[in-house]
């Protein structure tokens, strides 16, 4: 009987898409105060004038590939709208290699197929893989900053609501 149960569990696991609603220990659309009580270091989100704050945190689950973690949340209801992990990179080529290593991990975690995109805007050149999900976006990207030549790797999971506000702010430029 035991081999049959084991085979059935494996078959079920293989047939079910691997999905998660958590990244670095956080879930979108939950009250940020469930994770971090002290929000006194939070500041206005830097890419929108809408009522969103951002705060740098020590994550619940960290990954040695990243040196910074940021959360963005609504000041009105304290709901979490994005989780971001950041790491400075030496070159854009190295960053792209790392980004391509993260792509299948995120696809497996969120049960999506990430698509490649490149764009330049506001002094930044970006290469990214992203996918829309129901109400949110998963993104891994490399940014090259023209003003100082810096390169950074980002893993971002954000609500469509916040993403719309960010795009709206950039459309105003």
C-alpha atoms as a PDB file:
ATOM      1  CA  UNK A   1       0.000   0.000   0.000  1.00  0.00           C
ATOM      2  CA  UNK A   2       2.849   2.415   0.844  1.00  0.00           C
ATOM      3  CA  UNK A   3       4.373   2.408  -2.701  1.00  0.00           C
ATOM      4  CA  UNK A   4       0.938   3.178  -4.154  1.00  0.00           C
ATOM      5  CA  UNK A   5       0.430   6.165  -1.833  1.00  0.00           C
ATOM      6  CA  UNK A   6       3.933   7.461  -2.580  1.00  0.00           C
ATOM      7  CA  UNK A   7       3.342   7.102  -6.336  1.00  0.00           C
ATOM      8  CA  UNK A   8      -0.013   8.867  -6.022  1.00  0.00           C
ATOM      9  CA  UNK A   9       1.537  11.767  -4.086  1.00  0.00           C
ATOM     10  CA  UNK A  10       4.336  12.151  -6.647  1.00  0.00           C
ATOM     11  CA  UNK A  11       1.831  12.053  -9.536  1.00  0.00           C
ATOM     12  CA  UNK A  12      -0.313  14.684  -7.824  1.00  0.00           C
ATOM     13  CA  UNK A  13       2.698  16.920  -7.192  1.00  0.00           C
ATOM     14  CA  UNK A  14       3.858  16.625 -10.799  1.00  0.00           C
ATOM     15  CA  UNK A  15       0.392  17.327 -12.179  1.00  0.00           C
ATOM     16  CA  UNK A  16      -0.101  20.419 -10.020  1.00  0.00           C
ATOM     17  CA  UNK A  17       1.584  23.637 -11.123  1.00  0.00           C
ATOM     18  CA  UNK A  18       4.135  24.922  -8.652  1.00  0.00           C
ATOM     19  CA  UNK A  19       2.736  28.195  -7.370  1.00  0.00           C
ATOM     20  CA  UNK A  20       3.305  30.302  -4.376  1.00  0.00           C
ATOM     21  CA  UNK A  21       1.900  33.499  -3.054  1.00  0.00           C
ATOM     22  CA  UNK A  22       5.012  34.367  -1.086  1.00  0.00           C
ATOM     23  CA  UNK A  23       8.404  35.905  -1.857  1.00  0.00           C
ATOM     24  CA  UNK A  24      11.155  36.231   0.753  1.00  0.00           C
ATOM     25  CA  UNK A  25       8.512  35.453   3.378  1.00  0.00           C
ATOM     26  CA  UNK A  26       5.994  38.123   2.296  1.00  0.00           C
ATOM     27  CA  UNK A  27       2.562  38.007   0.698  1.00  0.00           C
ATOM     28  CA  UNK A  28       1.085  40.851  -1.299  1.00  0.00           C
ATOM     29  CA  UNK A  29      -2.174  42.417  -0.140  1.00  0.00           C
ATOM     30  CA  UNK A  30      -1.543  41.571   3.526  1.00  0.00           C
ATOM     31  CA  UNK A  31      -1.133  44.124   6.301  1.00  0.00           C
ATOM     32  CA  UNK A  32       2.539  45.111   6.465  1.00  0.00           C
ATOM     33  CA  UNK A  33       2.186  45.501  10.236  1.00  0.00           C
ATOM     34  CA  UNK A  34       1.845  41.715  10.434  1.00  0.00           C
ATOM     35  CA  UNK A  35       5.497  41.573   9.359  1.00  0.00           C
ATOM     36  CA  UNK A  36       7.035  44.801  10.676  1.00  0.00           C
ATOM     37  CA  UNK A  37       5.632  46.795  13.581  1.00  0.00           C
ATOM     38  CA  UNK A  38       8.000  49.775  13.303  1.00  0.00           C
ATOM     39  CA  UNK A  39       7.330  51.701  10.102  1.00  0.00           C
ATOM     40  CA  UNK A  40       8.900  54.954  11.295  1.00  0.00           C
ATOM     41  CA  UNK A  41      11.688  54.723   8.686  1.00  0.00           C
ATOM     42  CA  UNK A  42       9.199  54.538   5.797  1.00  0.00           C
ATOM     43  CA  UNK A  43       9.235  57.303   3.188  1.00  0.00           C
ATOM     44  CA  UNK A  44       7.051  58.292   0.238  1.00  0.00           C
ATOM     45  CA  UNK A  45       7.433  55.808  -2.632  1.00  0.00           C
ATOM     46  CA  UNK A  46      10.034  57.342  -4.956  1.00  0.00           C
ATOM     47  CA  UNK A  47       8.285  56.559  -8.265  1.00  0.00           C
ATOM     48  CA  UNK A  48       4.771  57.801  -7.578  1.00  0.00           C
ATOM     49  CA  UNK A  49       2.975  60.612  -5.809  1.00  0.00           C
ATOM     50  CA  UNK A  50       0.130  58.245  -4.853  1.00  0.00           C
ATOM     51  CA  UNK A  51      -0.272  57.315  -1.157  1.00  0.00           C
ATOM     52  CA  UNK A  52       2.384  54.584  -1.059  1.00  0.00           C
ATOM     53  CA  UNK A  53       5.298  54.326   1.314  1.00  0.00           C
ATOM     54  CA  UNK A  54       8.468  52.291   0.950  1.00  0.00           C
ATOM     55  CA  UNK A  55      10.690  50.899   3.644  1.00  0.00           C
ATOM     56  CA  UNK A  56      13.966  49.011   3.610  1.00  0.00           C
ATOM     57  CA  UNK A  57      13.714  45.847   5.719  1.00  0.00           C
ATOM     58  CA  UNK A  58      15.627  42.846   6.926  1.00  0.00           C
ATOM     59  CA  UNK A  59      13.521  40.212   5.182  1.00  0.00           C
ATOM     60  CA  UNK A  60      11.778  37.316   6.839  1.00  0.00           C
ATOM     61  CA  UNK A  61      13.594  34.970   4.445  1.00  0.00           C
ATOM     62  CA  UNK A  62      16.802  36.368   3.000  1.00  0.00           C
ATOM     63  CA  UNK A  63      18.857  35.194   0.055  1.00  0.00           C
ATOM     64  CA  UNK A  64      22.602  35.812  -0.080  1.00  0.00           C
ATOM     65  CA  UNK A  65      22.256  36.981  -3.701  1.00  0.00           C
ATOM     66  CA  UNK A  66      20.716  40.264  -2.488  1.00  0.00           C
ATOM     67  CA  UNK A  67      21.919  43.048  -0.210  1.00  0.00           C
ATOM     68  CA  UNK A  68      18.736  45.136   0.067  1.00  0.00           C
ATOM     69  CA  UNK A  69      15.054  44.370   0.457  1.00  0.00           C
ATOM     70  CA  UNK A  70      12.272  46.925   0.111  1.00  0.00           C
ATOM     71  CA  UNK A  71       8.553  46.762   0.796  1.00  0.00           C
ATOM     72  CA  UNK A  72       5.969  49.182  -0.588  1.00  0.00           C
ATOM     73  CA  UNK A  73       2.598  49.565   1.038  1.00  0.00           C
ATOM     74  CA  UNK A  74      -0.478  51.749   0.991  1.00  0.00           C
ATOM     75  CA  UNK A  75      -0.510  54.471   3.636  1.00  0.00           C
ATOM     76  CA  UNK A  76      -4.306  54.299   3.592  1.00  0.00           C
ATOM     77  CA  UNK A  77      -4.815  50.642   4.548  1.00  0.00           C
ATOM     78  CA  UNK A  78      -1.257  49.315   5.160  1.00  0.00           C
ATOM     79  CA  UNK A  79      -1.652  46.612   2.500  1.00  0.00           C
ATOM     80  CA  UNK A  80       1.610  45.375   1.019  1.00  0.00           C
ATOM     81  CA  UNK A  81       1.925  46.234  -2.694  1.00  0.00           C
ATOM     82  CA  UNK A  82       5.468  45.174  -3.562  1.00  0.00           C
ATOM     83  CA  UNK A  83       8.431  43.126  -2.455  1.00  0.00           C
ATOM     84  CA  UNK A  84      11.784  44.059  -3.994  1.00  0.00           C
ATOM     85  CA  UNK A  85      15.239  42.533  -3.633  1.00  0.00           C
ATOM     86  CA  UNK A  86      18.276  44.421  -4.991  1.00  0.00           C
ATOM     87  CA  UNK A  87      21.941  43.676  -5.570  1.00  0.00           C
ATOM     88  CA  UNK A  88      24.599  45.853  -7.210  1.00  0.00           C
ATOM     89  CA  UNK A  89      26.378  44.108 -10.085  1.00  0.00           C
ATOM     90  CA  UNK A  90      29.830  44.631 -11.595  1.00  0.00           C
ATOM     91  CA  UNK A  91      28.716  44.690 -15.251  1.00  0.00           C
ATOM     92  CA  UNK A  92      25.536  44.470 -17.285  1.00  0.00           C
ATOM     93  CA  UNK A  93      26.716  41.172 -18.819  1.00  0.00           C
ATOM     94  CA  UNK A  94      27.156  39.615 -15.383  1.00  0.00           C
ATOM     95  CA  UNK A  95      23.794  40.995 -14.278  1.00  0.00           C
ATOM     96  CA  UNK A  96      22.067  39.456 -17.300  1.00  0.00           C
ATOM     97  CA  UNK A  97      23.653  36.082 -16.466  1.00  0.00           C
ATOM     98  CA  UNK A  98      22.279  36.339 -12.916  1.00  0.00           C
ATOM     99  CA  UNK A  99      18.897  37.498 -14.191  1.00  0.00           C
ATOM    100  CA  UNK A 100      18.715  34.459 -16.460  1.00  0.00           C
ATOM    101  CA  UNK A 101      19.475  32.225 -13.467  1.00  0.00           C
ATOM    102  CA  UNK A 102      16.578  33.775 -11.530  1.00  0.00           C
ATOM    103  CA  UNK A 103      14.078  33.529 -14.393  1.00  0.00           C
ATOM    104  CA  UNK A 104      13.324  29.771 -14.097  1.00  0.00           C
ATOM    105  CA  UNK A 105      13.221  30.051 -10.302  1.00  0.00           C
ATOM    106  CA  UNK A 106      10.543  32.734 -10.477  1.00  0.00           C
ATOM    107  CA  UNK A 107       8.644  30.896 -13.200  1.00  0.00           C
ATOM    108  CA  UNK A 108       8.535  27.814 -10.982  1.00  0.00           C
ATOM    109  CA  UNK A 109       7.670  29.749  -7.850  1.00  0.00           C
ATOM    110  CA  UNK A 110       4.814  31.706  -9.391  1.00  0.00           C
ATOM    111  CA  UNK A 111       3.671  29.285 -12.117  1.00  0.00           C
ATOM    112  CA  UNK A 112       4.199  31.822 -14.925  1.00  0.00           C
ATOM    113  CA  UNK A 113       6.199  32.169 -18.131  1.00  0.00           C
ATOM    114  CA  UNK A 114       8.351  35.279 -17.987  1.00  0.00           C
ATOM    115  CA  UNK A 115       8.869  37.160 -21.252  1.00  0.00           C
ATOM    116  CA  UNK A 116      11.930  39.199 -22.196  1.00  0.00           C
ATOM    117  CA  UNK A 117      11.830  42.957 -22.654  1.00  0.00           C
ATOM    118  CA  UNK A 118      14.364  45.756 -23.157  1.00  0.00           C
ATOM    119  CA  UNK A 119      13.753  49.460 -22.842  1.00  0.00           C
ATOM    120  CA  UNK A 120      15.493  52.768 -22.148  1.00  0.00           C
ATOM    121  CA  UNK A 121      13.894  55.587 -20.251  1.00  0.00           C
ATOM    122  CA  UNK A 122      14.966  58.453 -18.027  1.00  0.00           C
ATOM    123  CA  UNK A 123      18.695  57.675 -18.073  1.00  0.00           C
ATOM    124  CA  UNK A 124      18.227  53.957 -17.390  1.00  0.00           C
ATOM    125  CA  UNK A 125      18.669  51.005 -19.725  1.00  0.00           C
ATOM    126  CA  UNK A 126      16.680  47.967 -18.592  1.00  0.00           C
ATOM    127  CA  UNK A 127      16.664  44.321 -19.578  1.00  0.00           C
ATOM    128  CA  UNK A 128      13.971  42.281 -17.896  1.00  0.00           C
ATOM    129  CA  UNK A 129      11.865  39.172 -17.774  1.00  0.00           C
ATOM    130  CA  UNK A 130       8.329  39.701 -16.491  1.00  0.00           C
ATOM    131  CA  UNK A 131       4.870  38.213 -16.341  1.00  0.00           C
ATOM    132  CA  UNK A 132       1.446  39.426 -15.344  1.00  0.00           C
ATOM    133  CA  UNK A 133      -0.561  37.338 -12.926  1.00  0.00           C
ATOM    134  CA  UNK A 134      -4.032  37.930 -11.581  1.00  0.00           C
ATOM    135  CA  UNK A 135      -3.613  41.336  -9.956  1.00  0.00           C
ATOM    136  CA  UNK A 136       0.191  41.414  -9.799  1.00  0.00           C
ATOM    137  CA  UNK A 137       3.404  41.340 -11.814  1.00  0.00           C
ATOM    138  CA  UNK A 138       6.572  39.276 -11.338  1.00  0.00           C
ATOM    139  CA  UNK A 139       9.749  40.880 -12.668  1.00  0.00           C
ATOM    140  CA  UNK A 140      13.489  40.184 -12.672  1.00  0.00           C
ATOM    141  CA  UNK A 141      15.543  42.955 -14.230  1.00  0.00           C
ATOM    142  CA  UNK A 142      18.931  44.511 -14.748  1.00  0.00           C
ATOM    143  CA  UNK A 143      19.197  48.284 -14.758  1.00  0.00           C
ATOM    144  CA  UNK A 144      22.165  50.226 -16.125  1.00  0.00           C
ATOM    145  CA  UNK A 145      22.235  53.801 -14.814  1.00  0.00           C
ATOM    146  CA  UNK A 146      23.778  56.222 -17.310  1.00  0.00           C
ATOM    147  CA  UNK A 147      24.642  58.920 -14.758  1.00  0.00           C
ATOM    148  CA  UNK A 148      27.122  56.782 -12.802  1.00  0.00           C
ATOM    149  CA  UNK A 149      27.487  53.553 -14.819  1.00  0.00           C
ATOM    150  CA  UNK A 150      26.068  51.497 -11.956  1.00  0.00           C
ATOM    151  CA  UNK A 151      24.294  48.205 -12.618  1.00  0.00           C
ATOM    152  CA  UNK A 152      21.759  46.530 -10.338  1.00  0.00           C
ATOM    153  CA  UNK A 153      19.791  43.290 -10.321  1.00  0.00           C
ATOM    154  CA  UNK A 154      16.188  43.450  -9.090  1.00  0.00           C
ATOM    155  CA  UNK A 155      13.596  40.818  -8.272  1.00  0.00           C
ATOM    156  CA  UNK A 156      10.248  42.562  -7.952  1.00  0.00           C
ATOM    157  CA  UNK A 157       6.782  41.297  -7.151  1.00  0.00           C
ATOM    158  CA  UNK A 158       4.223  44.101  -7.188  1.00  0.00           C
ATOM    159  CA  UNK A 159       0.527  44.739  -7.411  1.00  0.00           C
ATOM    160  CA  UNK A 160      -0.937  45.913 -10.702  1.00  0.00           C
ATOM    161  CA  UNK A 161      -2.368  48.855  -8.768  1.00  0.00           C
ATOM    162  CA  UNK A 162       1.098  50.089  -7.774  1.00  0.00           C
ATOM    163  CA  UNK A 163       2.519  49.327 -11.231  1.00  0.00           C
ATOM    164  CA  UNK A 164      -0.259  51.429 -12.824  1.00  0.00           C
ATOM    165  CA  UNK A 165       0.585  54.340 -10.484  1.00  0.00           C
ATOM    166  CA  UNK A 166       4.295  54.080 -11.360  1.00  0.00           C
ATOM    167  CA  UNK A 167       3.558  54.028 -15.102  1.00  0.00           C
ATOM    168  CA  UNK A 168       1.206  56.961 -14.715  1.00  0.00           C
ATOM    169  CA  UNK A 169       3.928  58.983 -12.975  1.00  0.00           C
ATOM    170  CA  UNK A 170       6.425  58.247 -15.775  1.00  0.00           C
ATOM    171  CA  UNK A 171       3.846  59.085 -18.455  1.00  0.00           C
ATOM    172  CA  UNK A 172       3.775  62.579 -16.960  1.00  0.00           C
ATOM    173  CA  UNK A 173       7.418  63.208 -17.886  1.00  0.00           C
END
